[in-house]
C-alpha cells in the first residue's frame, strides 16, 4: 500500500468533502415536492394572494403542497378526492358558494383532473377558481385557461412528459 504524503492529504480531504455534498439540482427538475411548493408559493401574485378564500388540494397526493401554500396564504385548506386516469373521477366537492378557490396540484400532465376540478368547483358555487401547479405543459394550459380565472405554473414546458420527469425524487 502506498503512503500518502502530506502534500496529498489536503487534496484527498477536499475530494471527500465534495463527495458528501448534496447532489446538484438538475435544471427543469424540482428536488422534491416541498421545493416545488416553495417555488410555487413564491410565484403567486399579490392579486392571487388577496383573492384566495380557500385552497383545495387536488387529491391526497397534493395535500402537503396545498397545506404549505394555504399556510403561506393564511387560508383554510381542504382536499378534493380524485381517482386519476383516462377518465378522472372526483369525490364530493367542498361547499364553496361565493368563495374564491385556489386549486393546487403536483402538476399537470393531460389536464383532465384539473379540468374536472374546475367544473366541479364552479358547480359548487365558487365565484373565482385559479389553478396553481409547479408544472403545466403549454398545450394543457391552452385548454385549462377557458375554465380557470388564472393558471399559475412555475414551469411551462413545450412538450408533455410524465409528471415524475419533473421531480428528482420519486412521487408517490
Protein backbone atom coordinates (compact mmCIF):
# COMPACT_ATOMS: atom_id res chain seq x y z
CA UNK A 1 0.00 0.00 0.00
CA UNK A 2 1.32 3.40 -0.94
CA UNK A 3 1.95 6.02 1.74
CA UNK A 4 0.10 9.32 1.36
CA UNK A 5 2.48 12.22 1.66
CA UNK A 6 1.50 15.40 3.50
CA UNK A 7 1.05 17.38 0.28
CA UNK A 8 -1.60 14.92 -0.99
CA UNK A 9 -3.73 14.93 2.19
CA UNK A 10 -5.49 18.28 1.56
CA UNK A 11 -6.35 17.16 -1.96
CA UNK A 12 -7.73 13.84 -0.72
CA UNK A 13 -9.76 15.55 2.03
CA UNK A 14 -11.13 18.08 -0.45
CA UNK A 15 -12.25 15.25 -2.72
CA UNK A 16 -14.02 13.51 0.18
CA UNK A 17 -15.86 16.71 1.13
CA UNK A 18 -17.12 17.06 -2.44
CA UNK A 19 -18.46 13.51 -2.33
CA UNK A 20 -20.56 14.37 0.74
CA UNK A 21 -22.23 17.39 -0.83
CA UNK A 22 -25.90 17.06 -1.75
CA UNK A 23 -26.48 16.42 -5.45
CA UNK A 24 -26.65 19.49 -7.64
CA UNK A 25 -30.09 20.48 -8.76
CA UNK A 26 -31.00 19.45 -12.27
CA UNK A 27 -32.34 22.32 -14.42
CA UNK A 28 -36.06 21.95 -15.03
CA UNK A 29 -36.50 19.46 -12.18
CA UNK A 30 -37.66 20.06 -8.64
CA UNK A 31 -35.57 18.36 -5.95
CA UNK A 32 -38.75 17.49 -4.01
CA UNK A 33 -42.44 18.33 -3.61
CA UNK A 34 -41.54 20.71 -0.78
CA UNK A 35 -39.17 22.63 -3.04
CA UNK A 36 -41.82 22.75 -5.75
CA UNK A 37 -44.35 24.09 -3.23
CA UNK A 38 -41.90 26.79 -2.12
CA UNK A 39 -41.27 27.92 -5.69
CA UNK A 40 -44.98 27.84 -6.44
CA UNK A 41 -45.85 29.90 -3.35
CA UNK A 42 -43.19 32.45 -4.30
CA UNK A 43 -44.66 32.75 -7.81
CA UNK A 44 -48.18 33.64 -6.62
CA UNK A 45 -49.01 37.25 -7.38
CA UNK A 46 -50.35 39.69 -4.82
CA UNK A 47 -53.69 39.55 -6.65
CA UNK A 48 -53.94 35.76 -6.27
CA UNK A 49 -52.90 36.03 -2.63
CA UNK A 50 -55.64 38.59 -1.99
CA UNK A 51 -58.30 36.71 -3.98
CA UNK A 52 -57.99 33.30 -2.30
CA UNK A 53 -60.61 32.31 0.30
CA UNK A 54 -59.99 28.55 0.15
CA UNK A 55 -57.11 26.33 -1.02
CA UNK A 56 -58.12 22.96 -2.47
CA UNK A 57 -55.57 20.18 -2.91
CA UNK A 58 -56.37 18.01 -5.90
CA UNK A 59 -56.14 14.51 -4.44
CA UNK A 60 -54.37 13.28 -1.33
CA UNK A 61 -51.01 13.30 -3.14
CA UNK A 62 -51.26 17.11 -3.32
CA UNK A 63 -52.31 17.50 0.31
CA UNK A 64 -48.90 18.57 1.70
CA UNK A 65 -48.32 21.04 -1.11
CA UNK A 66 -51.81 22.54 -0.64
CA UNK A 67 -51.30 22.80 3.12
CA UNK A 68 -47.96 24.55 2.66
CA UNK A 69 -49.44 27.10 0.26
CA UNK A 70 -52.53 27.58 2.46
CA UNK A 71 -50.25 28.37 5.43
CA UNK A 72 -48.42 30.91 3.30
CA UNK A 73 -51.72 32.49 2.20
CA UNK A 74 -53.30 32.16 5.66
CA UNK A 75 -56.30 30.46 4.07
CA UNK A 76 -58.22 27.33 5.01
CA UNK A 77 -57.39 24.15 3.10
CA UNK A 78 -59.29 21.05 2.05
CA UNK A 79 -58.68 18.14 -0.30
CA UNK A 80 -60.84 17.22 -3.26
CA UNK A 81 -60.55 13.42 -3.64
CA UNK A 82 -59.60 12.29 -7.15
CA UNK A 83 -59.04 9.00 -8.91
CA UNK A 84 -56.71 9.75 -11.78
CA UNK A 85 -56.67 8.01 -15.12
CA UNK A 86 -58.13 8.38 -18.59
CA UNK A 87 -61.49 9.13 -17.02
CA UNK A 88 -60.72 11.03 -13.82
CA UNK A 89 -63.32 10.77 -11.08
CA UNK A 90 -63.67 13.35 -8.32
CA UNK A 91 -65.15 12.87 -4.88
CA UNK A 92 -67.70 15.29 -3.43
CA UNK A 93 -66.72 18.93 -3.74
CA UNK A 94 -66.44 21.13 -0.65
CA UNK A 95 -69.07 23.79 -0.02
CA UNK A 96 -67.75 26.86 -1.83
CA UNK A 97 -70.72 29.11 -2.56
CA UNK A 98 -69.38 32.62 -3.10
CA UNK A 99 -65.76 31.60 -2.37
CA UNK A 100 -62.62 32.30 -4.35
CA UNK A 101 -60.81 28.96 -4.66
CA UNK A 102 -57.18 28.17 -5.46
CA UNK A 103 -56.72 24.59 -6.73
CA UNK A 104 -53.25 23.16 -6.02
CA UNK A 105 -51.79 20.02 -7.57
CA UNK A 106 -48.33 18.45 -8.00
CA UNK A 107 -48.51 19.25 -11.69
CA UNK A 108 -50.49 18.75 -14.88
CA UNK A 109 -49.90 16.07 -17.49
CA UNK A 110 -53.05 15.96 -19.62
CA UNK A 111 -55.15 18.39 -17.59
CA UNK A 112 -58.17 16.07 -17.24
CA UNK A 113 -58.22 16.09 -13.42
CA UNK A 114 -57.70 19.85 -13.29
CA UNK A 115 -60.47 20.41 -15.85
CA UNK A 116 -62.89 18.25 -13.89
CA UNK A 117 -61.96 20.06 -10.67
CA UNK A 118 -62.72 23.48 -12.22
CA UNK A 119 -66.12 22.33 -13.42
CA UNK A 120 -66.98 20.69 -10.09
CA UNK A 121 -65.96 23.72 -8.01
CA UNK A 122 -67.89 26.12 -10.26
CA UNK A 123 -70.96 23.88 -9.95
CA UNK A 124 -70.47 24.06 -6.15
CA UNK A 125 -70.78 27.83 -6.31
CA UNK A 126 -67.19 29.10 -6.43
CA UNK A 127 -67.08 32.61 -7.91
CA UNK A 128 -63.37 32.57 -8.80
CA UNK A 129 -61.23 29.50 -9.47
CA UNK A 130 -57.48 29.51 -10.14
CA UNK A 131 -55.06 26.63 -10.68
CA UNK A 132 -51.58 26.66 -9.14
CA UNK A 133 -49.13 23.92 -10.14
CA UNK A 134 -45.36 23.57 -10.38
CA UNK A 135 -45.61 22.13 -13.94
CA UNK A 136 -48.18 22.72 -16.68
CA UNK A 137 -47.41 21.91 -20.32
CA UNK A 138 -48.38 24.74 -22.64
CA UNK A 139 -50.75 22.52 -24.61
CA UNK A 140 -52.70 21.61 -21.45
CA UNK A 141 -52.63 25.21 -20.26
CA UNK A 142 -54.26 26.35 -23.51
CA UNK A 143 -57.33 24.25 -22.72
CA UNK A 144 -57.38 24.99 -18.97
CA UNK A 145 -57.45 28.79 -19.29
CA UNK A 146 -61.01 28.53 -20.59
CA UNK A 147 -62.15 27.03 -17.26
CA UNK A 148 -59.90 28.84 -14.75
CA UNK A 149 -59.68 32.53 -13.98
CA UNK A 150 -55.91 32.10 -13.66
CA UNK A 151 -53.40 29.31 -14.31
CA UNK A 152 -50.17 29.71 -12.35
CA UNK A 153 -47.23 27.43 -13.17
CA UNK A 154 -43.54 27.61 -12.30
CA UNK A 155 -42.53 25.58 -15.39
CA UNK A 156 -44.43 25.61 -18.66
CA UNK A 157 -42.71 23.02 -20.86
CA UNK A 158 -43.50 22.83 -24.56
CA UNK A 159 -44.00 19.08 -24.54
CA UNK A 160 -45.99 16.90 -22.18
CA UNK A 161 -43.97 14.42 -20.13
CA UNK A 162 -44.63 12.14 -17.23
CA UNK A 163 -45.04 14.22 -14.10
CA UNK A 164 -42.26 12.17 -12.47
CA UNK A 165 -39.80 13.53 -15.04
CA UNK A 166 -40.06 16.99 -13.44
CA UNK A 167 -39.05 15.74 -9.98
CA UNK A 168 -35.65 14.46 -8.87
CA UNK A 169 -37.21 12.38 -6.09
CA UNK A 170 -39.87 9.70 -6.66
CA UNK A 171 -43.51 10.77 -6.42
CA UNK A 172 -45.95 8.61 -4.50
